[in-house]
Amino acid sequence: MPFVPDLSSARRILIVKLSALGDIVHALPVAAALRERYPHLEIDWVAEPMAAPLLEGSPVLSQVHVAPKQHRAGRLWGEPLRQFLALRRCLRERQYDLAIDLQGLTKSAIVALVSGAKMRIGYNWLRELAPFLERRIPRRPESLHIVDQLLDVARYLGAEPSKVRFPLGIRLQDQEAAMIKLRALGLNPSTEFLVMNPTAGGGGGHKGMTPETMAGIITAVTRATSLPWVLVGAPGDRERSEAVAAQTSGSVYNAVGQTSVRELAAIIRVARVHVSGDSGSAHIAAAVATPPVTVYGRSNPARVGPYGYARYVVDARRYCTERCRRYHARAEINKPAVCQSGGAVCMSRVTAEDVVPIVLRALEEGKELR
């Protein structure tokens, strides 16, 4: 029988989940479950600069530490090295009873190691050097979605959640700042609107729809509902957002690259529906109960789709090449998402007609819940 630490007598624990936005959202229920079961605990978190603001102000966290993005092996020199050593000192001062690595990579396992925690554990899918640096917590056979796999770590620690919660750090001032930016774009924030993230996605890209398809979705939904759209995303998505806006005949307000992470979350929270490919903002939408309509190709939606919103997923794998379909059919649940045909042929074949009916259904069902 594996040793289970007694958290009833522990004081502080550290969660290590460094990036990216969607992955941070997936891990938040672990902190919520631990806070619910052990309200005396101080729960800290380490994240990289882009994702850390999403956690700051979360009601279940005591402190959020920022890890330099360049702390990976071979990049640690100069200012990143100084930042990493400062992080190490800060973590050591906190004297953690337990470090929980929910990333499962060398870079996260090293952070857990240098924290000086008395015990280190990680979730089921440990890779690179992580299996040699921390104890693996096996997943239950029924835990297919990554949220449930990560929650298996909380369950191992005696924290079965009464409800899966995503306590993001969105504050009133973030909401107010977001609304000011919408007004500057010409949109009255009291007007109902939809959001779309035109990103091609991280991890090698090819996770987004074509600009032509996205423009077709906006045009068709606007024609059916008269609702305007707000484009959201990171500065790197600006070119794609402009290509989408240039091809639409609906009302489009382009906020891509103009919001902080918390302002992005605030805009999504008041939107009627969020539309995108496999993106971090889709998981933020699921966390704040804005219906996320998503299109998935190489990624497995059963594992990494917006949690609780499988009914709004468009599975583009039906457009895969035969080679890709064979790969997806035999891939294990935690196997890396790799396109076998190059260039994500499946995503390029998705049409507005595949997506628009689901957007309209999400609008109708979301209205009933308001």
Protein backbone atom coordinates (compact mmCIF):
# COMPACT_ATOMS: atom_id res chain seq x y z
CA MET A 1 0.00 0.00 0.00
CA PRO A 2 1.64 3.33 -1.03
CA PHE A 3 2.39 5.88 1.66
CA VAL A 4 -0.18 8.72 1.75
CA PRO A 5 0.91 11.92 3.50
CA ASP A 6 -1.30 13.15 6.33
CA LEU A 7 -2.34 16.62 5.26
CA SER A 8 -4.43 17.17 8.38
CA SER A 9 -1.19 18.03 10.18
CA ALA A 10 0.53 19.72 7.21
CA ARG A 11 0.91 23.47 6.94
CA ARG A 12 1.84 24.38 3.37
CA ILE A 13 1.80 22.63 0.00
CA LEU A 14 3.07 23.73 -3.38
CA ILE A 15 1.45 23.06 -6.74
CA VAL A 16 3.72 23.22 -9.78
CA LYS A 17 1.90 23.79 -13.06
CA LEU A 18 3.86 26.25 -15.13
CA SER A 19 1.90 26.69 -18.36
CA ALA A 20 -0.07 27.09 -20.58
CA LEU A 21 -3.41 28.86 -20.03
CA GLY A 22 -5.60 25.85 -20.74
CA ASP A 23 -3.34 23.57 -18.69
CA ILE A 24 -3.50 25.96 -15.74
CA VAL A 25 -7.30 25.92 -15.90
CA HIS A 26 -7.31 22.12 -16.00
CA ALA A 27 -5.25 21.96 -12.80
CA LEU A 28 -7.23 24.49 -10.75
CA PRO A 29 -9.81 21.94 -9.49
CA VAL A 30 -6.98 20.18 -7.63
CA ALA A 31 -6.33 23.29 -5.54
CA ALA A 32 -10.07 23.77 -5.02
CA ALA A 33 -10.51 20.16 -3.86
CA LEU A 34 -7.58 20.40 -1.45
CA ARG A 35 -8.87 23.70 -0.04
CA GLU A 36 -12.32 22.18 0.44
CA ARG A 37 -10.98 19.13 2.27
CA TYR A 38 -8.18 20.85 4.19
CA PRO A 39 -9.23 24.49 4.79
CA HIS A 40 -6.30 25.06 7.15
CA LEU A 41 -3.72 24.49 4.40
CA GLU A 42 -1.80 27.27 2.70
CA ILE A 43 -1.72 26.32 -0.97
CA ASP A 44 0.87 28.04 -3.18
CA TRP A 45 1.41 27.70 -6.93
CA VAL A 46 4.32 28.19 -9.34
CA ALA A 47 3.53 29.30 -12.88
CA GLU A 48 5.32 30.99 -15.76
CA PRO A 49 4.74 34.72 -16.46
CA MET A 50 1.99 34.38 -19.07
CA ALA A 51 -0.23 32.12 -16.98
CA ALA A 52 0.48 33.39 -13.46
CA PRO A 53 -1.94 36.37 -13.65
CA LEU A 54 -4.85 33.96 -14.16
CA LEU A 55 -4.11 32.53 -10.71
CA GLU A 56 -3.40 35.72 -8.78
CA GLY A 57 -6.42 36.53 -6.66
CA SER A 58 -7.81 32.99 -6.73
CA PRO A 59 -9.68 32.41 -3.46
CA VAL A 60 -8.10 28.97 -2.97
CA LEU A 61 -4.45 30.07 -3.24
CA SER A 62 -2.23 31.76 -0.66
CA GLN A 63 0.66 32.78 -2.92
CA VAL A 64 1.49 32.61 -6.62
CA HIS A 65 5.19 32.38 -7.51
CA VAL A 66 6.43 33.27 -10.99
CA ALA A 67 9.06 31.02 -12.56
CA PRO A 68 11.29 32.50 -15.29
CA LYS A 69 10.22 31.02 -18.61
CA GLN A 70 13.88 30.43 -19.50
CA HIS A 71 14.59 28.23 -16.46
CA ARG A 72 14.85 25.14 -18.66
CA ALA A 73 18.20 23.41 -19.06
CA GLY A 74 20.58 25.20 -21.42
CA ARG A 75 18.80 28.56 -21.07
CA LEU A 76 19.57 29.33 -17.44
CA TRP A 77 22.08 32.16 -17.47
CA GLY A 78 22.21 35.88 -16.74
CA GLU A 79 18.94 37.40 -15.55
CA PRO A 80 16.91 34.14 -15.84
CA LEU A 81 19.45 32.47 -13.53
CA ARG A 82 19.13 35.28 -10.99
CA GLN A 83 15.34 35.00 -11.17
CA PHE A 84 15.49 31.24 -10.70
CA LEU A 85 17.76 31.49 -7.67
CA ALA A 86 15.43 34.12 -6.20
CA LEU A 87 12.49 31.78 -6.79
CA ARG A 88 14.39 28.95 -5.08
CA ARG A 89 15.07 31.12 -2.02
CA CYS A 90 11.44 32.17 -1.83
CA LEU A 91 10.18 28.59 -2.10
CA ARG A 92 12.63 27.34 0.52
CA GLU A 93 11.52 30.03 2.95
CA ARG A 94 7.96 28.73 2.74
CA GLN A 95 9.02 25.28 4.04
CA TYR A 96 6.54 23.12 2.12
CA ASP A 97 5.36 19.82 3.46
CA LEU A 98 4.46 18.59 -0.02
CA ALA A 99 5.10 19.59 -3.65
CA ILE A 100 2.63 18.41 -6.29
CA ASP A 101 3.89 18.42 -9.89
CA LEU A 102 0.90 18.61 -12.22
CA GLN A 103 3.03 19.32 -15.32
CA GLY A 104 5.03 16.09 -15.33
CA LEU A 105 8.09 17.40 -17.19
CA THR A 106 11.74 17.90 -16.26
CA LYS A 107 11.31 21.65 -15.85
CA SER A 108 8.42 21.28 -13.40
CA ALA A 109 10.03 18.41 -11.50
CA ILE A 110 13.14 20.55 -10.98
CA VAL A 111 11.03 23.34 -9.48
CA ALA A 112 9.40 20.83 -7.14
CA LEU A 113 12.85 19.51 -6.22
CA VAL A 114 14.44 22.89 -5.43
CA SER A 115 11.42 23.90 -3.36
CA GLY A 116 12.82 21.74 -0.59
CA ALA A 117 9.44 20.11 0.02
CA LYS A 118 9.54 17.13 2.36
CA MET A 119 7.73 14.98 -0.22
CA ARG A 120 7.18 15.30 -3.98
CA ILE A 121 4.46 13.62 -6.03
CA GLY A 122 3.26 13.93 -9.61
CA TYR A 123 0.24 12.90 -11.64
CA ASN A 124 0.14 9.76 -13.76
CA TRP A 125 1.78 10.96 -17.00
CA LEU A 126 5.34 11.82 -15.90
CA ARG A 127 7.81 12.32 -18.75
CA GLU A 128 11.49 13.11 -19.34
CA LEU A 129 13.32 13.13 -15.96
CA ALA A 130 10.22 13.65 -13.83
CA PRO A 131 9.71 9.91 -13.02
CA PHE A 132 13.15 9.87 -11.36
CA LEU A 133 12.48 12.94 -9.21
CA GLU A 134 9.00 12.35 -7.78
CA ARG A 135 6.45 9.67 -6.96
CA ARG A 136 3.88 8.93 -9.66
CA ILE A 137 0.22 8.82 -8.61
CA PRO A 138 -1.66 6.38 -10.89
CA ARG A 139 -4.87 7.42 -12.57
CA ARG A 140 -8.13 5.59 -12.13
CA PRO A 141 -9.22 3.70 -15.28
CA GLU A 142 -12.30 5.92 -15.56
CA SER A 143 -10.27 9.14 -15.47
CA LEU A 144 -9.95 9.95 -19.17
CA HIS A 145 -10.16 13.74 -19.20
CA ILE A 146 -7.03 15.50 -17.98
CA VAL A 147 -9.07 17.33 -15.30
CA ASP A 148 -10.09 13.98 -13.83
CA GLN A 149 -6.55 12.61 -14.15
CA LEU A 150 -5.19 15.55 -12.18
CA LEU A 151 -7.97 15.24 -9.62
CA ASP A 152 -6.81 11.68 -9.00
CA VAL A 153 -3.86 13.28 -7.20
CA ALA A 154 -6.26 15.16 -4.92
CA ARG A 155 -8.20 11.95 -4.34
CA TYR A 156 -4.97 10.16 -3.40
CA LEU A 157 -4.52 12.86 -0.77
CA GLY A 158 -8.02 12.29 0.61
CA ALA A 159 -9.64 15.24 -1.16
CA GLU A 160 -12.61 13.97 -3.18
CA PRO A 161 -14.26 17.14 -4.56
CA SER A 162 -17.97 17.64 -3.92
CA LYS A 163 -18.02 19.58 -7.20
CA VAL A 164 -15.38 20.28 -9.86
CA ARG A 165 -14.64 24.00 -9.50
CA PHE A 166 -12.36 26.38 -11.41
CA PRO A 167 -11.67 29.33 -9.06
CA LEU A 168 -9.92 31.78 -11.41
CA GLY A 169 -8.48 35.05 -10.15
CA ILE A 170 -10.80 37.45 -12.01
CA ARG A 171 -11.33 40.64 -10.01
CA LEU A 172 -13.78 43.52 -10.26
CA GLN A 173 -11.08 45.84 -11.56
CA ASP A 174 -10.31 43.36 -14.34
CA GLN A 175 -13.96 43.38 -15.38
CA GLU A 176 -14.06 47.18 -15.35
CA ALA A 177 -10.83 47.46 -17.37
CA ALA A 178 -12.14 44.97 -19.92
CA MET A 179 -15.36 46.91 -20.37
CA ILE A 180 -13.41 50.14 -20.90
CA LYS A 181 -11.48 48.46 -23.71
CA LEU A 182 -14.67 47.22 -25.34
CA ARG A 183 -16.07 50.76 -25.27
CA ALA A 184 -12.86 52.03 -26.88
CA LEU A 185 -13.47 49.58 -29.72
CA GLY A 186 -16.97 50.99 -30.19
CA LEU A 187 -18.96 48.20 -28.52
CA ASN A 188 -21.44 48.97 -25.77
CA PRO A 189 -20.55 46.40 -23.06
CA SER A 190 -24.22 46.10 -22.10
CA THR A 191 -24.83 44.65 -25.57
CA GLU A 192 -24.87 40.87 -25.79
CA PHE A 193 -22.05 39.51 -27.94
CA LEU A 194 -20.11 36.37 -28.86
CA VAL A 195 -16.34 35.89 -28.77
CA MET A 196 -14.05 34.09 -31.16
CA ASN A 197 -10.37 33.28 -30.75
CA PRO A 198 -8.78 32.98 -34.22
CA THR A 199 -5.54 31.42 -32.94
CA ALA A 200 -3.89 28.47 -34.66
CA GLY A 201 -3.05 27.17 -31.17
CA GLY A 202 0.17 26.30 -29.40
CA GLY A 203 2.22 23.13 -29.32
CA GLY A 204 3.05 23.26 -33.01
CA GLY A 205 -0.10 25.00 -34.18
CA HIS A 206 -2.60 23.62 -36.72
CA LYS A 207 -5.27 23.65 -34.00
CA GLY A 208 -7.38 26.47 -35.43
CA MET A 209 -9.90 26.80 -38.23
CA THR A 210 -9.05 28.64 -41.43
CA PRO A 211 -9.81 32.39 -41.53
CA GLU A 212 -12.35 31.68 -44.29
CA THR A 213 -14.24 29.21 -42.09
CA MET A 214 -14.21 31.54 -39.10
CA ALA A 215 -15.44 34.44 -41.21
CA GLY A 216 -18.22 32.23 -42.56
CA ILE A 217 -19.29 31.31 -39.01
CA ILE A 218 -19.43 34.97 -37.96
CA THR A 219 -21.39 35.99 -41.06
CA ALA A 220 -23.95 33.18 -40.73
CA VAL A 221 -24.50 33.57 -36.98
CA THR A 222 -24.81 37.34 -37.27
CA ARG A 223 -27.36 36.91 -40.03
CA ALA A 224 -29.39 34.57 -37.80
CA THR A 225 -29.10 36.50 -34.51
CA SER A 226 -27.90 40.07 -35.22
CA LEU A 227 -25.38 39.64 -32.39
CA PRO A 228 -21.94 41.26 -32.74
CA TRP A 229 -18.64 39.45 -32.24
CA VAL A 230 -15.47 40.28 -30.30
CA LEU A 231 -12.22 38.70 -31.50
CA VAL A 232 -9.88 37.87 -28.62
CA GLY A 233 -6.40 36.40 -28.36
CA ALA A 234 -2.69 37.06 -27.99
CA PRO A 235 -0.65 39.58 -30.02
CA GLY A 236 0.68 36.74 -32.16
CA ASP A 237 -2.86 36.09 -33.43
CA ARG A 238 -3.29 39.61 -34.80
CA GLU A 239 -2.64 38.71 -38.44
CA ARG A 240 -5.16 35.88 -38.37
CA SER A 241 -7.73 38.09 -36.65
CA GLU A 242 -7.38 40.77 -39.32
CA ALA A 243 -7.83 38.14 -42.03
CA VAL A 244 -11.04 36.98 -40.36
CA ALA A 245 -12.42 40.50 -39.87
CA ALA A 246 -11.68 41.44 -43.49
CA GLN A 247 -13.88 38.61 -44.80
CA THR A 248 -16.96 39.06 -42.60
CA SER A 249 -20.15 40.99 -43.19
CA GLY A 250 -21.17 40.99 -39.51
CA SER A 251 -20.27 43.40 -36.71
CA VAL A 252 -16.76 42.47 -35.54
CA TYR A 253 -14.72 44.20 -32.85
CA ASN A 254 -11.07 43.18 -32.83
CA ALA A 255 -9.55 43.05 -29.32
CA VAL A 256 -6.77 40.59 -30.21
CA GLY A 257 -3.55 41.53 -28.46
CA GLN A 258 -5.19 44.37 -26.53
CA THR A 259 -6.12 42.70 -23.25
CA SER A 260 -4.33 41.24 -20.27
CA VAL A 261 -4.99 37.60 -19.43
CA ARG A 262 -7.46 38.55 -16.68
CA GLU A 263 -9.20 41.07 -18.95
CA LEU A 264 -9.48 38.33 -21.57
CA ALA A 265 -11.15 36.09 -18.99
CA ALA A 266 -13.45 38.93 -17.95
CA ILE A 267 -14.61 39.49 -21.53
CA ILE A 268 -15.21 35.79 -22.03
CA ARG A 269 -17.20 35.61 -18.79
CA VAL A 270 -19.83 38.10 -20.03
CA ALA A 271 -20.00 36.74 -23.60
CA ARG A 272 -22.88 34.55 -24.76
CA VAL A 273 -20.70 31.92 -26.48
CA HIS A 274 -17.00 31.38 -27.15
CA VAL A 275 -15.88 29.87 -30.49
CA SER A 276 -12.39 28.58 -31.36
CA GLY A 277 -10.22 25.62 -32.17
CA ASP A 278 -8.23 23.94 -29.41
CA SER A 279 -7.29 27.07 -27.43
CA GLY A 280 -6.58 28.13 -23.87
CA SER A 281 -9.39 30.66 -23.98
CA ALA A 282 -11.89 27.85 -24.67
CA HIS A 283 -10.94 26.32 -21.32
CA ILE A 284 -11.30 29.71 -19.64
CA ALA A 285 -14.80 29.87 -21.16
CA ALA A 286 -15.67 26.47 -19.71
CA ALA A 287 -14.33 27.58 -16.32
CA VAL A 288 -16.56 30.68 -16.24
CA ALA A 289 -19.61 28.83 -17.68
CA THR A 290 -19.63 30.58 -21.06
CA PRO A 291 -20.55 27.83 -23.57
CA PRO A 292 -17.40 26.96 -25.57
CA VAL A 293 -17.94 25.75 -29.12
CA THR A 294 -14.67 24.15 -30.16
CA VAL A 295 -13.24 22.34 -33.17
CA TYR A 296 -10.70 19.57 -32.48
CA GLY A 297 -8.40 17.90 -34.96
CA ARG A 298 -5.11 16.36 -33.84
CA SER A 299 -5.89 16.87 -30.13
CA ASN A 300 -8.17 14.34 -28.44
CA PRO A 301 -11.28 16.17 -27.18
CA ALA A 302 -12.09 13.28 -24.83
CA ARG A 303 -8.88 14.13 -22.98
CA VAL A 304 -8.39 17.88 -23.44
CA GLY A 305 -11.72 19.28 -24.61
CA PRO A 306 -13.46 21.97 -22.52
CA TYR A 307 -14.48 20.13 -19.35
CA GLY A 308 -18.21 19.47 -19.16
CA TYR A 309 -18.93 20.75 -22.67
CA ALA A 310 -18.37 17.74 -24.93
CA ARG A 311 -21.76 18.42 -26.54
CA TYR A 312 -20.35 21.55 -28.18
CA VAL A 313 -17.26 19.91 -29.70
CA VAL A 314 -16.92 19.59 -33.48
CA ASP A 315 -14.67 16.59 -34.05
CA ALA A 316 -12.69 17.30 -37.22
CA ARG A 317 -11.11 13.85 -37.15
CA ARG A 318 -13.76 12.62 -39.56
CA TYR A 319 -11.85 14.66 -42.16
CA CYS A 320 -8.49 13.05 -41.30
CA THR A 321 -6.44 11.08 -43.77
CA GLU A 322 -6.55 7.31 -43.35
CA ARG A 323 -3.10 7.38 -41.77
CA CYS A 324 -4.26 9.87 -39.14
CA ARG A 325 -7.44 7.93 -38.42
CA ARG A 326 -5.42 4.76 -37.74
CA TYR A 327 -3.13 6.68 -35.41
CA HIS A 328 -6.02 8.20 -33.45
CA ALA A 329 -7.79 4.84 -33.23
CA ARG A 330 -4.86 3.13 -31.52
CA ALA A 331 -3.35 6.05 -29.57
CA GLU A 332 -3.41 5.75 -25.80
CA ILE A 333 -5.36 8.41 -23.89
CA ASN A 334 -2.12 10.12 -22.80
CA LYS A 335 -0.27 9.81 -26.08
CA PRO A 336 1.03 13.11 -27.52
CA ALA A 337 -1.29 14.68 -30.10
CA VAL A 338 0.58 14.40 -33.39
CA CYS A 339 -0.76 15.01 -36.89
CA GLN A 340 0.36 12.11 -39.09
CA SER A 341 -0.43 13.73 -42.44
CA GLY A 342 1.23 17.13 -41.91
CA GLY A 343 -0.50 20.49 -41.89
CA ALA A 344 -3.65 19.26 -40.13
CA VAL A 345 -5.68 18.45 -43.24
CA CYS A 346 -8.69 17.81 -41.02
CA MET A 347 -8.87 21.39 -39.71
CA SER A 348 -8.60 22.87 -43.19
CA ARG A 349 -11.64 20.82 -44.27
CA VAL A 350 -13.93 22.07 -41.51
CA THR A 351 -16.61 24.38 -42.91
CA ALA A 352 -18.87 27.00 -41.37
CA GLU A 353 -21.78 24.60 -41.93
CA ASP A 354 -20.12 22.17 -39.49
CA VAL A 355 -19.98 24.76 -36.73
CA VAL A 356 -22.87 27.23 -37.10
CA PRO A 357 -25.67 24.84 -35.95
CA ILE A 358 -23.73 24.10 -32.75
CA VAL A 359 -23.16 27.80 -32.09
CA LEU A 360 -26.89 28.47 -32.48
CA ARG A 361 -27.72 25.56 -30.17
CA ALA A 362 -25.23 26.82 -27.57
CA LEU A 363 -26.82 30.27 -27.76
CA GLU A 364 -30.29 28.82 -27.22
CA GLU A 365 -29.28 26.53 -24.38
CA GLY A 366 -27.20 29.25 -22.74
CA LYS A 367 -30.15 31.62 -22.83
CA GLU A 368 -32.22 29.10 -20.89
CA LEU A 369 -29.58 29.01 -18.14
CA ARG A 370 -29.37 32.79 -17.74
